[in-house]
Protein backbone atom coordinates (compact mmCIF):
# COMPACT_ATOMS: atom_id res chain seq x y z
CA MET A 1 98.62 91.48 121.72
CA ASN A 2 98.31 91.79 125.52
CA VAL A 3 101.81 90.43 126.00
CA ARG A 4 102.83 89.41 129.48
CA ALA A 5 106.24 90.32 130.88
CA ASP A 6 109.15 88.57 129.19
CA GLN A 7 107.07 87.16 126.38
CA ILE A 8 107.60 87.11 122.63
CA SER A 9 104.53 87.18 120.42
CA ILE A 10 104.56 86.55 116.67
CA ALA A 11 101.55 87.17 114.42
CA ALA A 12 100.61 87.61 110.78
CA LEU A 13 98.17 90.21 109.49
CA GLY A 14 98.74 89.03 105.91
CA GLY A 15 100.88 86.63 103.92
CA VAL A 16 99.95 83.20 105.33
CA ASN A 17 97.50 80.89 103.58
CA GLU A 18 97.66 83.39 100.71
CA VAL A 19 100.21 84.90 98.35
CA GLY A 20 100.33 88.67 98.76
CA LYS A 21 99.83 91.59 101.18
CA ASN A 22 102.55 90.41 103.55
CA MET A 23 102.56 91.90 107.05
CA TYR A 24 103.98 90.29 110.18
CA LEU A 25 104.36 91.43 113.78
CA VAL A 26 107.07 90.62 116.30
CA GLN A 27 106.39 91.85 119.83
CA PHE A 28 108.50 91.64 122.98
CA ASN A 29 106.83 93.04 126.07
CA ASP A 30 105.44 96.46 125.04
CA ASP A 31 107.46 96.85 121.81
CA ILE A 32 106.01 95.93 118.42
CA ILE A 33 107.99 95.80 115.17
CA VAL A 34 106.05 95.48 111.93
CA VAL A 35 107.66 93.54 109.07
CA ASP A 36 106.56 94.43 105.53
CA CYS A 37 103.39 96.13 104.39
CA GLY A 38 102.28 94.67 101.09
CA SER A 39 99.27 94.63 98.82
CA LYS A 40 97.69 92.16 96.45
CA PHE A 41 95.47 92.47 93.42
CA PRO A 42 91.76 91.62 93.66
CA ASP A 43 90.10 88.73 91.89
CA GLU A 44 87.13 89.12 89.57
CA SER A 45 84.65 88.98 92.46
CA LEU A 46 85.85 92.31 93.89
CA LEU A 47 84.40 94.56 91.23
CA GLY A 48 86.03 97.96 90.94
CA ILE A 49 88.56 97.35 93.70
CA ASP A 50 92.10 98.51 92.89
CA ILE A 51 94.17 96.68 95.51
CA ILE A 52 93.82 94.83 98.81
CA ILE A 53 95.90 95.74 101.88
CA PRO A 54 95.99 94.28 105.41
CA ASP A 55 93.48 95.29 108.07
CA ILE A 56 95.48 97.24 110.67
CA THR A 57 92.79 97.58 113.34
CA PHE A 58 95.07 95.92 115.88
CA LEU A 59 97.98 98.23 115.06
CA ILE A 60 95.83 101.35 115.39
CA GLU A 61 94.63 100.14 118.79
CA ASN A 62 98.26 99.59 119.87
CA GLN A 63 100.03 102.38 118.00
CA ASN A 64 101.84 103.61 121.13
CA LYS A 65 103.75 100.29 121.17
CA ILE A 66 104.92 100.35 117.53
CA ARG A 67 108.64 101.03 117.17
CA GLY A 68 108.94 100.83 113.41
CA LEU A 69 108.10 99.24 110.06
CA VAL A 70 110.98 97.18 108.65
CA ILE A 71 110.80 96.21 104.96
CA THR A 72 112.58 93.12 103.62
CA HIS A 73 112.55 94.09 99.91
CA GLY A 74 110.82 96.17 97.27
CA HIS A 75 108.21 93.93 95.67
CA GLU A 76 104.59 95.13 95.64
CA ASP A 77 103.41 92.33 97.92
CA HIS A 78 105.80 93.75 100.53
CA ILE A 79 105.62 97.54 99.99
CA GLY A 80 102.37 98.13 98.05
CA GLY A 81 100.39 98.98 101.17
CA VAL A 82 102.89 101.41 102.68
CA PRO A 83 101.30 104.74 101.57
CA TYR A 84 97.80 103.60 102.52
CA ILE A 85 98.89 102.38 105.96
CA ILE A 86 101.05 105.47 106.61
CA LYS A 87 97.98 107.66 106.02
CA GLN A 88 96.32 105.93 108.96
CA LEU A 89 99.33 105.12 111.11
CA ASN A 90 102.52 107.11 110.63
CA MET A 91 105.51 105.12 111.87
CA PRO A 92 109.26 105.09 111.09
CA VAL A 93 110.12 103.06 107.98
CA TYR A 94 113.40 101.15 107.65
CA ALA A 95 114.44 99.81 104.24
CA THR A 96 117.43 99.32 101.95
CA ARG A 97 118.42 101.94 99.38
CA LEU A 98 116.52 100.57 96.37
CA THR A 99 113.50 99.57 98.44
CA LEU A 100 113.45 103.04 100.00
CA GLY A 101 113.65 104.60 96.53
CA LEU A 102 110.57 102.64 95.40
CA ILE A 103 108.71 103.53 98.61
CA LYS A 104 109.55 107.23 98.18
CA GLY A 105 107.97 107.15 94.74
CA LYS A 106 104.74 105.85 96.24
CA LEU A 107 104.79 108.32 99.13
CA ARG A 108 105.40 111.19 96.71
CA GLU A 109 102.30 110.22 94.70
CA HIS A 110 100.24 110.31 97.90
CA GLY A 111 101.71 113.57 99.21
CA LEU A 112 103.36 111.85 102.19
CA ILE A 113 107.06 112.20 101.40
CA GLY A 114 107.58 115.17 103.69
CA THR A 115 105.79 113.74 106.70
CA THR A 116 107.10 110.16 106.76
CA GLU A 117 110.19 109.23 108.79
CA LEU A 118 112.45 107.17 106.50
CA HIS A 119 115.68 105.37 107.44
CA GLU A 120 118.09 103.69 105.03
CA ILE A 121 119.59 100.38 106.19
CA ASP A 122 121.78 97.63 104.72
CA SER A 123 122.90 94.13 105.66
CA ASN A 124 125.43 95.55 108.13
CA SER A 125 122.96 97.78 109.97
CA GLU A 126 122.16 97.22 113.63
CA LEU A 127 119.11 98.88 115.15
CA THR A 128 117.75 99.25 118.65
CA LEU A 129 113.98 99.40 118.43
CA GLY A 130 112.53 99.50 121.92
CA SER A 131 113.81 96.49 123.84
CA MET A 132 114.82 94.58 120.70
CA GLN A 133 118.14 94.60 118.85
CA VAL A 134 117.66 94.13 115.12
CA GLN A 135 120.30 92.75 112.75
CA PHE A 136 120.11 91.91 109.06
CA PHE A 137 121.60 89.46 106.56
CA ARG A 138 121.66 89.70 102.76
CA THR A 139 119.63 87.24 100.68
CA ASN A 140 119.14 86.61 96.94
CA HIS A 141 115.82 87.23 95.26
CA SER A 142 114.52 88.64 91.96
CA ILE A 143 115.13 92.21 93.06
CA PRO A 144 118.32 93.71 94.57
CA ASP A 145 118.81 94.71 98.20
CA CYS A 146 116.85 91.93 99.90
CA LEU A 147 117.28 91.29 103.60
CA GLY A 148 116.49 88.70 106.23
CA ILE A 149 115.95 90.02 109.75
CA ALA A 150 117.10 88.77 113.17
CA PHE A 151 115.22 90.16 116.20
CA GLN A 152 117.28 89.67 119.34
CA THR A 153 115.47 89.64 122.66
CA PRO A 154 116.44 88.50 126.19
CA LEU A 155 114.37 85.35 125.55
CA GLY A 156 116.07 84.47 122.28
CA THR A 157 116.34 85.38 118.61
CA VAL A 158 113.45 85.46 116.13
CA VAL A 159 114.45 85.29 112.44
CA HIS A 160 112.34 86.37 109.44
CA THR A 161 113.94 85.26 106.16
CA GLY A 162 112.05 87.56 103.81
CA ASP A 163 111.77 86.20 100.26
CA PHE A 164 114.94 84.37 99.27
CA LYS A 165 116.76 81.77 97.26
CA PHE A 166 120.41 80.75 97.24
CA ASP A 167 121.80 82.03 93.92
CA LEU A 168 125.52 81.23 93.92
CA THR A 169 126.12 83.25 90.73
CA PRO A 170 123.93 86.36 91.20
CA VAL A 171 123.70 88.77 88.30
CA ASN A 172 124.54 91.77 90.50
CA GLU A 173 127.18 89.90 92.53
CA GLN A 174 125.28 90.54 95.77
CA TYR A 175 126.02 87.20 97.37
CA ALA A 176 123.86 85.79 100.15
CA ASP A 177 125.36 86.15 103.66
CA ILE A 178 125.54 82.40 104.22
CA HIS A 179 128.29 82.76 106.85
CA LYS A 180 126.22 85.33 108.73
CA MET A 181 123.18 83.07 108.61
CA ALA A 182 125.27 80.22 110.00
CA GLU A 183 126.59 82.50 112.77
CA ILE A 184 123.06 83.50 113.74
CA GLY A 185 122.10 79.82 113.83
CA LYS A 186 125.18 78.93 115.86
CA ASN A 187 124.21 81.52 118.49
CA GLY A 188 120.75 80.02 118.71
CA VAL A 189 117.44 80.78 116.98
CA LEU A 190 114.33 80.53 119.11
CA ALA A 191 111.86 80.88 116.22
CA LEU A 192 112.22 81.00 112.44
CA LEU A 193 109.68 82.48 110.02
CA SER A 194 110.58 81.30 106.51
CA GLU A 195 108.86 81.81 103.16
CA SER A 196 107.12 78.85 101.54
CA THR A 197 106.30 79.92 97.96
CA ASN A 198 108.24 77.11 96.25
CA ALA A 199 107.95 74.50 99.01
CA GLU A 200 106.32 72.12 96.50
CA ARG A 201 109.22 72.30 94.04
CA PRO A 202 112.03 69.75 94.47
CA GLY A 203 115.70 70.57 94.05
CA PHE A 204 117.28 74.00 93.72
CA THR A 205 115.99 77.10 91.94
CA PRO A 206 118.25 77.90 88.94
CA SER A 207 120.37 81.04 88.84
CA GLU A 208 119.02 84.19 87.21
CA ARG A 209 122.24 84.28 85.18
CA GLN A 210 120.93 81.39 83.04
CA VAL A 211 118.04 83.57 81.88
CA GLY A 212 120.47 86.20 80.59
CA GLU A 213 122.15 83.61 78.37
CA HIS A 214 118.82 82.57 76.82
CA ILE A 215 117.75 86.20 76.31
CA GLU A 216 121.00 87.02 74.53
CA GLU A 217 120.66 83.97 72.28
CA ALA A 218 117.07 84.93 71.32
CA PHE A 219 118.14 88.52 70.61
CA LYS A 220 120.86 87.34 68.23
CA LYS A 221 118.37 85.22 66.27
CA ALA A 222 115.63 87.86 66.04
CA ARG A 223 115.18 89.70 62.75
CA GLY A 224 112.44 92.23 63.44
CA LYS A 225 111.46 94.12 66.56
CA ILE A 226 111.84 92.34 69.90
CA PHE A 227 109.14 92.70 72.55
CA LEU A 228 109.98 91.35 75.99
CA SER A 229 107.51 91.40 78.86
CA THR A 230 108.48 90.78 82.48
CA PHE A 231 107.78 92.05 85.98
CA ALA A 232 108.89 95.66 86.22
CA SER A 233 110.42 95.04 89.65
CA ASN A 234 112.70 92.25 88.39
CA VAL A 235 115.66 94.60 88.10
CA HIS A 236 118.06 91.72 87.43
CA ARG A 237 116.00 90.65 84.40
CA VAL A 238 115.80 94.23 83.15
CA GLN A 239 119.59 94.56 83.35
CA GLN A 240 120.04 91.39 81.33
CA VAL A 241 117.68 92.75 78.67
CA ILE A 242 119.75 95.95 78.57
CA ASP A 243 122.97 93.94 78.25
CA ALA A 244 121.55 91.82 75.42
CA ALA A 245 120.29 94.94 73.63
CA GLU A 246 123.73 96.52 73.89
CA LYS A 247 125.43 93.42 72.47
CA THR A 248 123.02 93.29 69.52
CA ASN A 249 123.11 97.05 68.83
CA ARG A 250 119.46 97.71 69.61
CA LYS A 251 117.78 100.72 71.18
CA LEU A 252 115.49 100.23 74.18
CA VAL A 253 111.87 101.43 74.46
CA LEU A 254 110.00 101.19 77.77
CA LEU A 255 106.23 100.69 77.82
CA GLY A 256 104.09 100.67 80.95
CA ARG A 257 104.01 103.13 83.83
CA SER A 258 105.48 100.76 86.39
CA MET A 259 108.31 99.75 84.04
CA VAL A 260 109.22 103.39 83.41
CA ASN A 261 109.12 104.20 87.14
CA VAL A 262 111.23 101.23 88.25
CA VAL A 263 113.86 101.74 85.55
CA ASP A 264 114.06 105.45 86.36
CA ILE A 265 114.48 104.83 90.11
CA ALA A 266 116.85 101.86 89.77
CA SER A 267 119.10 103.58 87.23
CA SER A 268 119.24 106.83 89.23
CA LEU A 269 120.32 104.86 92.31
CA GLY A 270 122.93 102.88 90.41
CA TYR A 271 121.18 99.50 90.37
CA LEU A 272 120.84 99.53 86.58
CA ARG A 273 123.62 100.25 84.10
CA LEU A 274 121.96 101.94 81.14
CA PRO A 275 124.37 102.92 78.30
CA ASN A 276 124.12 106.52 77.10
CA GLY A 277 121.79 106.93 74.16
CA MET A 278 120.24 103.47 74.42
CA LEU A 279 116.87 104.58 75.80
CA VAL A 280 114.44 106.11 73.31
CA GLU A 281 110.84 107.26 73.69
CA ALA A 282 108.02 105.23 72.15
CA SER A 283 107.17 108.20 69.91
CA GLU A 284 110.71 108.06 68.46
CA SER A 285 110.57 104.34 67.59
CA LYS A 286 109.36 105.07 64.03
CA ASN A 287 112.77 106.63 63.34
CA PHE A 288 114.50 103.24 63.69
CA ALA A 289 114.47 100.07 61.64
CA PRO A 290 112.68 97.09 63.26
CA HIS A 291 115.96 95.19 63.84
CA GLU A 292 117.25 98.16 65.84
CA LEU A 293 114.58 98.06 68.58
CA VAL A 294 113.83 96.21 71.80
CA ILE A 295 110.54 97.04 73.54
CA LEU A 296 110.53 96.19 77.24
CA CYS A 297 106.99 96.19 78.58
CA THR A 298 104.66 95.22 81.39
CA GLY A 299 101.77 92.76 81.15
CA SER A 300 103.41 89.33 81.32
CA GLN A 301 100.52 88.08 83.50
CA GLY A 302 97.87 88.98 80.96
CA GLU A 303 96.63 92.15 82.68
CA PRO A 304 93.98 93.55 80.28
CA MET A 305 95.12 97.18 80.52
CA ALA A 306 98.89 96.57 80.53
CA ALA A 307 101.14 97.37 77.57
CA LEU A 308 101.45 93.80 76.26
CA ALA A 309 97.67 93.34 76.05
CA ARG A 310 97.30 96.58 74.08
CA LEU A 311 100.11 95.53 71.74
CA ALA A 312 98.44 92.14 71.22
CA ASN A 313 95.08 93.81 70.53
CA GLY A 314 96.63 96.33 68.17
CA THR A 315 95.36 99.24 70.27
CA HIS A 316 98.70 100.75 71.32
CA ARG A 317 98.90 104.22 69.83
CA GLN A 318 102.63 104.34 69.06
CA ILE A 319 104.02 100.84 68.50
CA HIS A 320 102.62 97.77 66.71
CA VAL A 321 103.52 94.10 66.56
CA ASP A 322 104.19 93.13 62.94
CA ALA A 323 104.73 89.82 61.17
CA GLY A 324 108.20 88.48 61.92
CA ASP A 325 108.62 90.34 65.21
CA THR A 326 109.72 88.34 68.26
CA VAL A 327 107.67 88.48 71.48
CA ILE A 328 109.15 86.99 74.67
CA LEU A 329 107.14 86.42 77.83
CA ALA A 330 109.94 86.26 80.40
CA SER A 331 107.76 84.88 83.17
CA SER A 332 105.59 81.93 84.09
CA PRO A 333 101.85 82.56 84.47
CA ILE A 334 100.74 82.90 88.07
CA PRO A 335 97.96 80.34 88.79
CA GLY A 336 94.67 81.93 87.74
CA ASN A 337 96.22 84.08 84.99
CA GLU A 338 96.66 81.33 82.40
CA ARG A 339 93.49 82.19 80.49
CA ASN A 340 94.38 85.88 80.07
CA VAL A 341 97.94 85.04 79.06
CA GLY A 342 96.67 82.46 76.55
CA HIS A 343 94.35 85.03 74.97
CA ILE A 344 97.25 87.44 74.48
CA VAL A 345 99.46 84.70 73.00
CA ASP A 346 96.65 83.79 70.55
CA ASN A 347 96.39 87.40 69.40
CA LEU A 348 100.15 87.63 68.93
CA PHE A 349 100.21 84.47 66.80
CA GLU A 350 97.40 85.92 64.68
CA LYS A 351 99.74 88.82 63.94
CA LYS A 352 102.29 86.25 62.70
CA ALA A 353 104.79 87.07 65.43
CA LEU A 354 107.29 84.57 66.81
CA VAL A 355 106.12 84.10 70.41
CA ILE A 356 108.31 82.55 73.11
CA TYR A 357 106.04 81.75 76.04
CA GLY A 358 105.12 79.13 78.63
CA SER A 359 106.92 77.69 81.62
CA GLY A 360 110.31 79.21 82.29
CA THR A 361 111.81 75.75 82.67
CA VAL A 362 110.85 75.07 79.03
CA THR A 363 111.73 78.39 77.41
CA GLY A 364 114.69 79.28 79.63
CA MET A 365 113.32 82.84 79.82
CA HIS A 366 112.34 82.77 83.48
CA VAL A 367 113.52 81.41 86.79
CA SER A 368 111.80 81.85 90.11
CA GLY A 369 113.09 84.21 92.77
CA HIS A 370 112.02 81.83 95.53
CA ALA A 371 113.80 78.96 97.22
CA SER A 372 112.94 75.40 96.22
CA GLN A 373 112.92 72.47 98.64
CA GLU A 374 116.68 71.93 98.99
CA GLU A 375 117.26 75.64 99.64
CA LEU A 376 114.47 75.74 102.21
CA LYS A 377 116.10 72.81 103.97
CA LEU A 378 119.46 74.60 103.80
CA MET A 379 117.96 77.68 105.51
CA LEU A 380 116.47 75.47 108.22
CA THR A 381 119.81 73.72 108.69
CA LEU A 382 121.71 77.01 108.93
CA MET A 383 119.29 78.50 111.46
CA LYS A 384 118.58 75.37 113.55
CA PRO A 385 115.41 76.90 115.04
CA LYS A 386 113.69 75.54 118.13
CA TYR A 387 110.32 76.67 116.76
CA PHE A 388 109.37 77.02 113.12
CA ILE A 389 106.55 79.04 111.48
CA PRO A 390 106.21 78.65 107.68
CA ILE A 391 104.87 81.84 106.07
CA HIS A 392 104.26 83.45 102.66
CA GLY A 393 102.27 80.81 100.85
CA GLU A 394 98.97 79.03 100.50
CA TYR A 395 98.10 76.24 102.90
CA ARG A 396 99.45 73.39 100.77
CA MET A 397 102.80 75.21 100.56
CA LEU A 398 102.91 75.78 104.32
CA HIS A 399 102.09 72.10 104.87
CA GLN A 400 104.87 70.99 102.51
CA HIS A 401 107.32 73.33 104.26
CA ARG A 402 106.37 71.78 107.59
CA GLN A 403 107.30 68.36 106.22
CA LEU A 404 110.66 69.70 105.04
CA ALA A 405 111.31 71.07 108.54
CA GLU A 406 110.50 67.71 110.10
CA ALA A 407 112.87 66.04 107.63
CA VAL A 408 115.81 68.16 108.85
CA GLY A 409 115.11 67.53 112.52
CA VAL A 410 112.64 70.15 113.78
CA GLU A 411 110.28 68.65 116.36
CA PRO A 412 106.79 68.27 114.83
CA SER A 413 105.22 69.75 117.97
CA HIS A 414 107.43 72.84 117.53
CA ILE A 415 106.06 73.69 114.07
CA PHE A 416 103.12 76.08 113.86
CA ILE A 417 101.05 76.56 110.72
CA ILE A 418 99.16 79.77 111.38
CA ASN A 419 96.43 81.73 109.64
CA ASN A 420 96.30 85.50 109.40
CA GLY A 421 95.38 86.75 112.86
CA ASP A 422 96.82 83.78 114.75
CA VAL A 423 99.34 84.60 117.51
CA VAL A 424 102.21 82.40 118.64
CA ASP A 425 103.28 83.31 122.19
CA ILE A 426 106.67 82.23 123.55
CA GLN A 427 107.30 82.49 127.28
CA ALA A 428 109.94 80.65 129.32
CA SER A 429 110.99 78.98 126.04
CA GLU A 430 107.56 77.39 125.63
CA ALA A 431 105.45 78.29 122.59
CA ARG A 432 101.65 78.27 122.34
CA LYS A 433 99.13 79.13 119.64
CA ASN A 434 95.81 79.74 121.34
CA ARG A 435 94.62 83.25 120.58
CA ARG A 436 93.90 85.61 117.70
CA ILE A 437 93.96 89.33 116.92
CA PRO A 438 91.71 91.27 114.50
CA ASN A 439 92.68 90.75 110.87
CA GLY A 440 91.22 90.74 107.39
CA ASN A 441 91.28 92.62 104.09
CA THR A 442 91.01 96.36 103.59
CA LEU A 443 89.78 97.21 100.10
CA VAL A 444 91.19 100.23 98.28
CA ASP A 445 89.00 101.81 95.60
CA GLY A 446 90.46 105.02 94.16
CA LEU A 447 91.15 107.34 97.08
CA GLY A 448 88.87 105.39 99.41
CA ILE A 449 90.54 103.09 101.94
CA GLY A 450 88.20 100.57 103.51
CA ASP A 451 85.01 102.43 102.58
CA VAL A 452 83.84 99.73 100.19
CA GLY A 453 82.26 96.85 102.08
CA HIS A 454 80.06 93.83 101.48
CA ILE A 455 76.91 95.80 100.66
CA VAL A 456 78.62 97.97 98.05
CA LEU A 457 80.26 94.93 96.44
CA ARG A 458 76.91 93.12 96.43
CA ASP A 459 75.29 96.08 94.62
CA ARG A 460 78.12 96.15 92.10
CA LYS A 461 77.66 92.44 91.47
CA VAL A 462 73.93 92.92 90.84
CA LEU A 463 74.61 95.84 88.49
CA SER A 464 77.23 93.84 86.58
CA GLU A 465 74.99 90.79 86.16
CA ASP A 466 71.42 92.08 85.74
CA GLY A 467 71.69 95.86 85.33
CA ILE A 468 69.42 98.52 86.77
CA LEU A 469 65.84 99.76 86.31
CA ILE A 470 64.99 103.29 87.43
CA ILE A 471 61.35 104.32 87.90
CA VAL A 472 60.71 108.10 88.03
CA VAL A 473 57.27 109.38 89.06
CA THR A 474 56.11 112.96 89.62
CA ILE A 475 53.24 113.33 92.13
CA ALA A 476 51.24 116.43 93.07
CA LYS A 477 51.69 117.52 96.68
CA SER A 478 48.09 118.72 96.93
CA ASP A 479 46.22 115.50 96.13
CA ASN A 480 48.93 112.82 95.61
CA LYS A 481 47.84 112.38 91.98
CA ILE A 482 50.35 111.35 89.31
CA VAL A 483 51.43 114.44 87.36
CA ASN A 484 54.01 112.80 85.13
CA GLY A 485 55.29 109.26 84.54
CA PRO A 486 56.03 106.69 85.56
CA ASP A 487 59.10 106.94 83.32
CA ILE A 488 61.24 103.80 83.03
CA ILE A 489 65.01 104.01 82.52
CA SER A 490 66.97 100.82 81.81
CA ARG A 491 70.75 100.40 81.94
CA GLY A 492 72.34 96.98 81.49
CA PHE A 493 68.98 95.20 81.81
CA VAL A 494 67.36 95.22 78.36
CA TYR A 495 67.76 97.35 75.28
CA VAL A 496 64.72 99.63 75.49
CA ARG A 497 64.13 100.05 71.73
CA GLU A 498 63.89 96.28 71.31
CA SER A 499 61.81 95.75 74.47
CA GLU A 500 59.11 98.40 74.18
CA GLY A 501 56.40 95.91 75.11
CA LEU A 502 58.14 94.89 78.32
CA MET A 503 58.86 98.50 79.26
CA GLY A 504 55.22 99.38 78.64
CA GLU A 505 54.13 96.57 80.95
CA VAL A 506 56.58 97.72 83.66
CA GLN A 507 55.15 101.23 83.31
CA ARG A 508 51.62 99.83 83.64
CA VAL A 509 52.56 97.85 86.80
CA ALA A 510 54.15 100.95 88.33
CA ARG A 511 51.08 103.12 87.64
CA SER A 512 48.73 100.43 88.92
CA THR A 513 50.75 100.02 92.12
CA ILE A 514 50.69 103.75 92.84
CA THR A 515 46.95 103.97 92.15
CA GLN A 516 46.28 101.06 94.49
CA LEU A 517 48.38 102.66 97.24
CA GLN A 518 46.47 105.92 96.87
CA SER A 519 43.15 104.16 97.21
CA THR A 520 43.99 101.85 100.12
CA LYS A 521 46.52 103.89 102.12
CA SER A 522 45.58 107.53 102.39
CA ASN A 523 48.39 108.13 104.89
CA ALA A 524 51.11 106.27 102.97
CA ASN A 525 54.49 108.00 103.05
CA TRP A 526 57.09 108.13 100.30
CA ASN A 527 59.02 105.15 101.73
CA ASP A 528 55.85 103.06 101.43
CA TYR A 529 55.51 104.10 97.80
CA LYS A 530 59.16 103.30 97.01
CA GLN A 531 59.22 99.92 98.76
CA THR A 532 55.90 98.74 97.32
CA LEU A 533 56.91 99.86 93.82
CA LYS A 534 60.23 98.04 94.12
CA GLU A 535 58.55 94.80 95.26
CA SER A 536 55.77 94.76 92.66
CA ILE A 537 58.06 95.64 89.74
CA GLY A 538 60.69 93.19 90.95
CA LYS A 539 58.16 90.31 90.99
CA PHE A 540 56.82 91.25 87.56
CA VAL A 541 60.27 91.54 85.95
CA TYR A 542 61.48 88.23 87.40
CA ALA A 543 58.30 86.44 86.28
CA HIS A 544 58.79 87.64 82.70
CA THR A 545 62.63 87.62 82.36
CA LYS A 546 64.03 85.49 85.22
CA ARG A 547 66.38 88.41 85.97
CA ARG A 548 66.75 90.46 89.12
CA PRO A 549 68.00 93.93 88.14
CA MET A 550 68.60 96.56 90.78
CA ILE A 551 65.44 98.67 91.01
CA LEU A 552 65.59 102.32 92.06
CA THR A 553 62.43 104.35 92.56
CA ILE A 554 62.52 108.15 92.43
CA ILE A 555 59.42 110.08 93.51
CA ILE A 556 59.33 113.81 92.78
CA GLN A 557 56.79 115.93 94.65
CA VAL A 558 55.52 119.15 93.00
């Protein structure tokens, strides 16, 4: 970031004015520490794209200054990009035990486990990374082993909260280090980066323990099979499902690759207590009576290919939802997913299942893992920052968080709402936001990282909307006469058997165009043929159908 001597620079490459793909940079002089490396899922406009990760052009250009990647916790929007970024930029990774276990699983899939430098940390760890001293403090969230980070520099301390809430009765009894936070604040915080996800919600976020009570009550009332869908990474929720299953004498079946992976990793590391003999394979479920089974599955956000969608559609090969079964969606729909979730709920009701769904505040089956307004104000009060940068949220959330900061005494001129790529420079205790670094989205499609751009996406959009027409013509090399064709192949445009007249007309236009080229342009090359064919057929097709399919012309010379 072209930092001058004795200057702190703070920037985001992802995670502000959006929810997902978190990545932040803290730089002091020539030392850069990267915080988090997440991913997010594409919307329907990004056809065929698997995930989105941050653009790390700036990091590649400054890789000699990077001292490490520090991860706050193990959610996908904080670790999902790690294997893809490590392929391009191998740097030491620092994370807690569970987070490291989840990262190792990803690195193993990508063949990177043996070449990546991994370091386990906890809330008591102290690191020296370049010219910065790094300390940590424990926070509560919807996954164990979450940390906030304090970067100590000669100019002052920069604090990154990570995702947090203040749960005074945590399920796993990992209490937030409130005293440590207060001590950091007492010693002085120059700048605070704090998450903003629930900045619009008044009050306090309820404890996860309340969800366990509602789950247990529902389990006791259920008569048939119980299906419960939640985020695989919500280890606290999974443990409460296990506890309720144990108390009601039910066996547990896991459906969904991510659910199986997380339970396997978390239980092997001691973060889940799974009674012996409770876990059974889906193929073994037919050996048990309905009232003896709990099926824990993925798909609570309506993902079409997830386990819950297949159960609702009746397409799961091993387990079915029957009349009288209980289905619990232990989550609230993320904005934008309501339609998909509603479709699944409709299908489940058609199967005469008892469905518990909707807002967690209504059903009691879900609480957020993020701090609401009073907790955000508590964090600000504990830290007492001179400068404040709200992060991890869309613009309205960042704006609301700014107002909360002003309410607890932060100077309005000391609050910076930034976009991805913005840099806040602090020198001689004065902060400025007046420059940017390269940023953006890197699209991952299969094994390709960043090789799908605007042109490819545009072609996919055309193919998805209007289909494709392929014109194949064989021409003699000796005299440029048509030997065979033109043959017309249609995919996704019209059904050929029902549109023989149209296809015949397209064939006639193609032949006429080639004949005209031969008579008027004796020196025409194959590119002239292809381009003229594409234009003439395109005009004809649009005039008769008002569609613009992709048109490919193939000329074979014999």
